[in-house]
N, C-alpha and C. Protein backbone atom coordinates (compact mmCIF):
# COMPACT_ATOMS: atom_id res chain seq x y z
N MET A 1 -131.80 -80.64 -203.27
CA MET A 1 -130.20 -81.69 -203.56
C MET A 1 -130.07 -82.67 -202.44
N LEU A 2 -130.44 -82.19 -201.65
CA LEU A 2 -130.12 -82.87 -200.02
C LEU A 2 -130.52 -84.36 -200.50
N GLU A 3 -131.48 -84.77 -201.14
CA GLU A 3 -131.70 -86.02 -201.90
C GLU A 3 -131.25 -86.58 -203.04
N THR A 4 -130.05 -85.85 -203.43
CA THR A 4 -129.24 -86.33 -204.80
C THR A 4 -128.27 -87.41 -204.18
N GLY A 5 -128.25 -88.28 -204.74
CA GLY A 5 -126.68 -89.65 -204.52
C GLY A 5 -127.27 -90.65 -203.34
N CYS A 6 -128.82 -90.36 -202.46
CA CYS A 6 -129.32 -91.04 -201.57
C CYS A 6 -129.84 -92.38 -202.70
N ASP A 7 -129.83 -92.48 -203.55
CA ASP A 7 -130.79 -93.97 -204.09
C ASP A 7 -129.63 -93.74 -205.15
N SER A 8 -130.18 -95.45 -205.97
CA SER A 8 -128.87 -95.93 -206.47
C SER A 8 -129.40 -95.43 -207.62
N LEU A 9 -130.78 -94.34 -208.40
CA LEU A 9 -130.75 -94.23 -209.72
C LEU A 9 -130.24 -92.72 -209.99
N PRO A 10 -129.25 -92.67 -211.31
CA PRO A 10 -128.44 -91.69 -212.25
C PRO A 10 -129.81 -90.32 -211.71
N GLN A 11 -128.84 -89.50 -211.58
CA GLN A 11 -128.99 -87.93 -211.79
C GLN A 11 -128.70 -87.58 -212.89
N THR A 12 -129.06 -86.72 -213.55
CA THR A 12 -129.95 -85.50 -214.37
C THR A 12 -129.66 -84.06 -214.14
N PHE A 13 -128.80 -83.37 -214.62
CA PHE A 13 -129.31 -81.86 -214.04
C PHE A 13 -128.38 -81.62 -215.71
N LEU A 14 -129.56 -80.63 -215.53
CA LEU A 14 -130.58 -80.48 -217.03
C LEU A 14 -130.75 -78.71 -216.92
N MET A 15 -129.88 -77.89 -217.75
CA MET A 15 -130.69 -76.06 -217.45
C MET A 15 -130.31 -75.31 -218.46
N THR A 16 -131.02 -74.54 -219.51
CA THR A 16 -131.00 -74.42 -220.54
C THR A 16 -130.23 -73.19 -220.36
N ASP A 17 -129.84 -72.04 -221.49
CA ASP A 17 -129.02 -70.40 -221.06
C ASP A 17 -130.06 -69.38 -220.96
N THR A 18 -131.39 -69.78 -221.17
CA THR A 18 -132.65 -68.91 -221.22
C THR A 18 -132.66 -69.17 -219.44
N GLN A 19 -132.49 -70.31 -218.64
CA GLN A 19 -132.86 -69.72 -217.62
C GLN A 19 -131.44 -69.62 -216.35
N ILE A 20 -130.69 -68.79 -217.28
CA ILE A 20 -129.31 -67.58 -216.66
C ILE A 20 -129.86 -66.98 -216.10
N SER A 21 -130.25 -66.25 -214.30
CA SER A 21 -130.94 -64.95 -214.75
C SER A 21 -129.81 -64.57 -214.53
N TYR A 22 -128.16 -64.61 -213.77
CA TYR A 22 -127.74 -63.80 -213.18
C TYR A 22 -126.35 -64.62 -213.38
N GLU A 23 -125.32 -63.78 -213.84
CA GLU A 23 -123.92 -64.36 -214.43
C GLU A 23 -122.97 -65.02 -213.15
N SER A 24 -123.55 -64.42 -212.17
CA SER A 24 -122.74 -65.94 -211.28
C SER A 24 -123.70 -67.10 -210.90
N PHE A 25 -123.82 -67.41 -211.57
CA PHE A 25 -124.58 -69.00 -211.37
C PHE A 25 -123.42 -69.55 -212.74
N LEU A 26 -123.59 -68.54 -213.57
CA LEU A 26 -121.98 -69.92 -214.33
C LEU A 26 -121.10 -70.15 -213.29
N GLU A 27 -121.14 -69.95 -212.34
CA GLU A 27 -119.51 -69.65 -211.19
C GLU A 27 -119.86 -70.54 -211.03
N ASP A 28 -121.53 -71.45 -210.30
CA ASP A 28 -121.92 -72.09 -209.49
C ASP A 28 -122.00 -73.08 -210.38
N ILE A 29 -122.99 -73.21 -211.61
CA ILE A 29 -122.74 -74.58 -212.32
C ILE A 29 -121.46 -75.05 -212.18
N ASN A 30 -120.41 -73.80 -212.31
CA ASN A 30 -118.39 -74.78 -212.90
C ASN A 30 -117.97 -75.33 -211.82
N ASN A 31 -118.59 -74.78 -210.82
CA ASN A 31 -118.06 -75.51 -209.25
C ASN A 31 -118.53 -77.01 -209.35
N ILE A 32 -120.30 -76.81 -209.39
CA ILE A 32 -120.71 -78.36 -208.71
C ILE A 32 -120.11 -79.14 -210.74
N LEU A 33 -120.16 -78.47 -211.15
CA LEU A 33 -119.82 -79.37 -212.96
C LEU A 33 -117.91 -79.83 -212.37
N ASN A 34 -116.83 -79.12 -212.08
CA ASN A 34 -116.13 -78.84 -211.82
C ASN A 34 -115.62 -80.61 -210.15
N THR A 35 -116.09 -79.52 -209.21
CA THR A 35 -115.79 -80.77 -208.18
C THR A 35 -117.20 -80.67 -206.96
N GLY A 36 -118.42 -80.93 -207.39
CA GLY A 36 -119.23 -81.48 -207.21
C GLY A 36 -119.84 -80.96 -206.25
N GLU A 37 -119.75 -79.49 -205.42
CA GLU A 37 -120.17 -78.54 -204.62
C GLU A 37 -120.17 -77.32 -205.03
N ILE A 38 -120.80 -76.15 -203.74
CA ILE A 38 -120.11 -75.35 -204.37
C ILE A 38 -119.77 -74.80 -202.66
N THR A 39 -119.43 -73.18 -202.78
CA THR A 39 -119.03 -73.55 -202.03
C THR A 39 -119.84 -71.87 -200.60
N ASN A 40 -119.97 -73.20 -199.83
CA ASN A 40 -121.33 -71.86 -198.48
C ASN A 40 -122.25 -72.32 -198.87
N LEU A 41 -122.51 -72.74 -199.46
CA LEU A 41 -123.99 -73.31 -200.13
C LEU A 41 -124.63 -73.95 -198.64
N TYR A 42 -123.91 -74.64 -198.05
CA TYR A 42 -124.73 -75.59 -197.60
C TYR A 42 -123.80 -75.26 -195.56
N LEU A 43 -125.12 -75.08 -194.73
CA LEU A 43 -124.84 -75.42 -193.32
C LEU A 43 -123.79 -76.43 -192.49
N PRO A 44 -123.39 -76.41 -192.22
CA PRO A 44 -122.14 -77.80 -191.32
C PRO A 44 -123.31 -78.46 -191.06
N GLU A 45 -124.86 -78.25 -190.65
CA GLU A 45 -125.64 -79.68 -189.97
C GLU A 45 -126.39 -79.61 -191.33
N ASP A 46 -126.52 -79.40 -192.16
CA ASP A 46 -127.10 -79.80 -193.15
C ASP A 46 -125.71 -80.79 -193.74
N MET A 47 -124.70 -80.15 -194.09
CA MET A 47 -123.86 -81.00 -194.63
C MET A 47 -123.63 -82.65 -194.04
N GLN A 48 -124.12 -82.28 -192.58
CA GLN A 48 -124.01 -83.59 -191.13
C GLN A 48 -124.75 -84.47 -192.14
N ILE A 49 -126.34 -84.10 -192.47
CA ILE A 49 -127.25 -85.07 -192.09
C ILE A 49 -127.18 -85.72 -193.72
N MET A 50 -126.55 -84.97 -194.34
CA MET A 50 -125.78 -85.56 -195.68
C MET A 50 -124.73 -87.16 -196.02
N LYS A 51 -124.16 -86.22 -194.95
CA LYS A 51 -122.68 -87.86 -194.57
C LYS A 51 -124.07 -89.12 -194.20
N ASP A 52 -124.72 -88.08 -192.93
CA ASP A 52 -125.02 -89.68 -192.19
C ASP A 52 -125.81 -90.45 -193.27
N LYS A 53 -126.97 -89.92 -193.97
CA LYS A 53 -126.83 -90.34 -195.29
C LYS A 53 -126.53 -91.42 -196.43
N LEU A 54 -125.06 -91.04 -196.42
CA LEU A 54 -124.73 -91.48 -197.32
C LEU A 54 -123.81 -92.39 -196.96
N ILE A 55 -122.93 -92.27 -195.46
CA ILE A 55 -122.21 -93.28 -195.51
C ILE A 55 -122.55 -94.99 -195.48
N PRO A 56 -123.68 -94.95 -194.66
CA PRO A 56 -124.51 -96.21 -194.73
C PRO A 56 -124.71 -97.32 -196.38
N ILE A 57 -124.79 -95.49 -197.03
CA ILE A 57 -125.08 -96.48 -198.69
C ILE A 57 -123.42 -96.44 -199.67
N LEU A 58 -122.84 -96.22 -198.96
CA LEU A 58 -121.73 -96.30 -199.93
C LEU A 58 -120.79 -97.58 -198.64
N GLU A 59 -120.91 -97.81 -198.18
CA GLU A 59 -120.54 -98.92 -196.71
C GLU A 59 -120.88 -100.12 -197.54
N LYS A 60 -121.97 -100.10 -197.74
CA LYS A 60 -122.89 -101.15 -198.67
C LYS A 60 -122.48 -101.48 -199.93
N LEU A 61 -121.64 -99.82 -200.68
CA LEU A 61 -121.69 -100.78 -202.20
C LEU A 61 -119.97 -100.10 -201.94
N LYS A 62 -119.25 -100.52 -200.48
CA LYS A 62 -118.25 -100.89 -200.14
C LYS A 62 -117.04 -99.63 -200.89
N LEU A 63 -117.68 -98.52 -200.54
CA LEU A 63 -116.89 -97.32 -201.43
C LEU A 63 -116.19 -96.38 -200.68
N PRO A 64 -115.24 -95.83 -200.24
CA PRO A 64 -114.50 -95.64 -198.74
C PRO A 64 -115.65 -94.26 -199.02
N PRO A 65 -116.11 -93.51 -197.59
CA PRO A 65 -116.60 -92.17 -197.27
C PRO A 65 -116.14 -91.26 -197.14
N THR A 66 -115.71 -90.48 -198.06
CA THR A 66 -114.72 -89.59 -198.80
C THR A 66 -115.60 -88.63 -199.19
């Protein structure tokens, strides 16, 4: 997930119902689909690494770095 979105290639998330080991996974998947993130999944250092990788790409595409 750290490298997803760092290139211009489309991304696909594919999961079947048999891959759901715990019901709590459904809440995480719902959060990914609705907000694009899972609460407290990454450490602040990891978030900064992702931001550092994505900001130049967004600037190149003339999109706001939000």
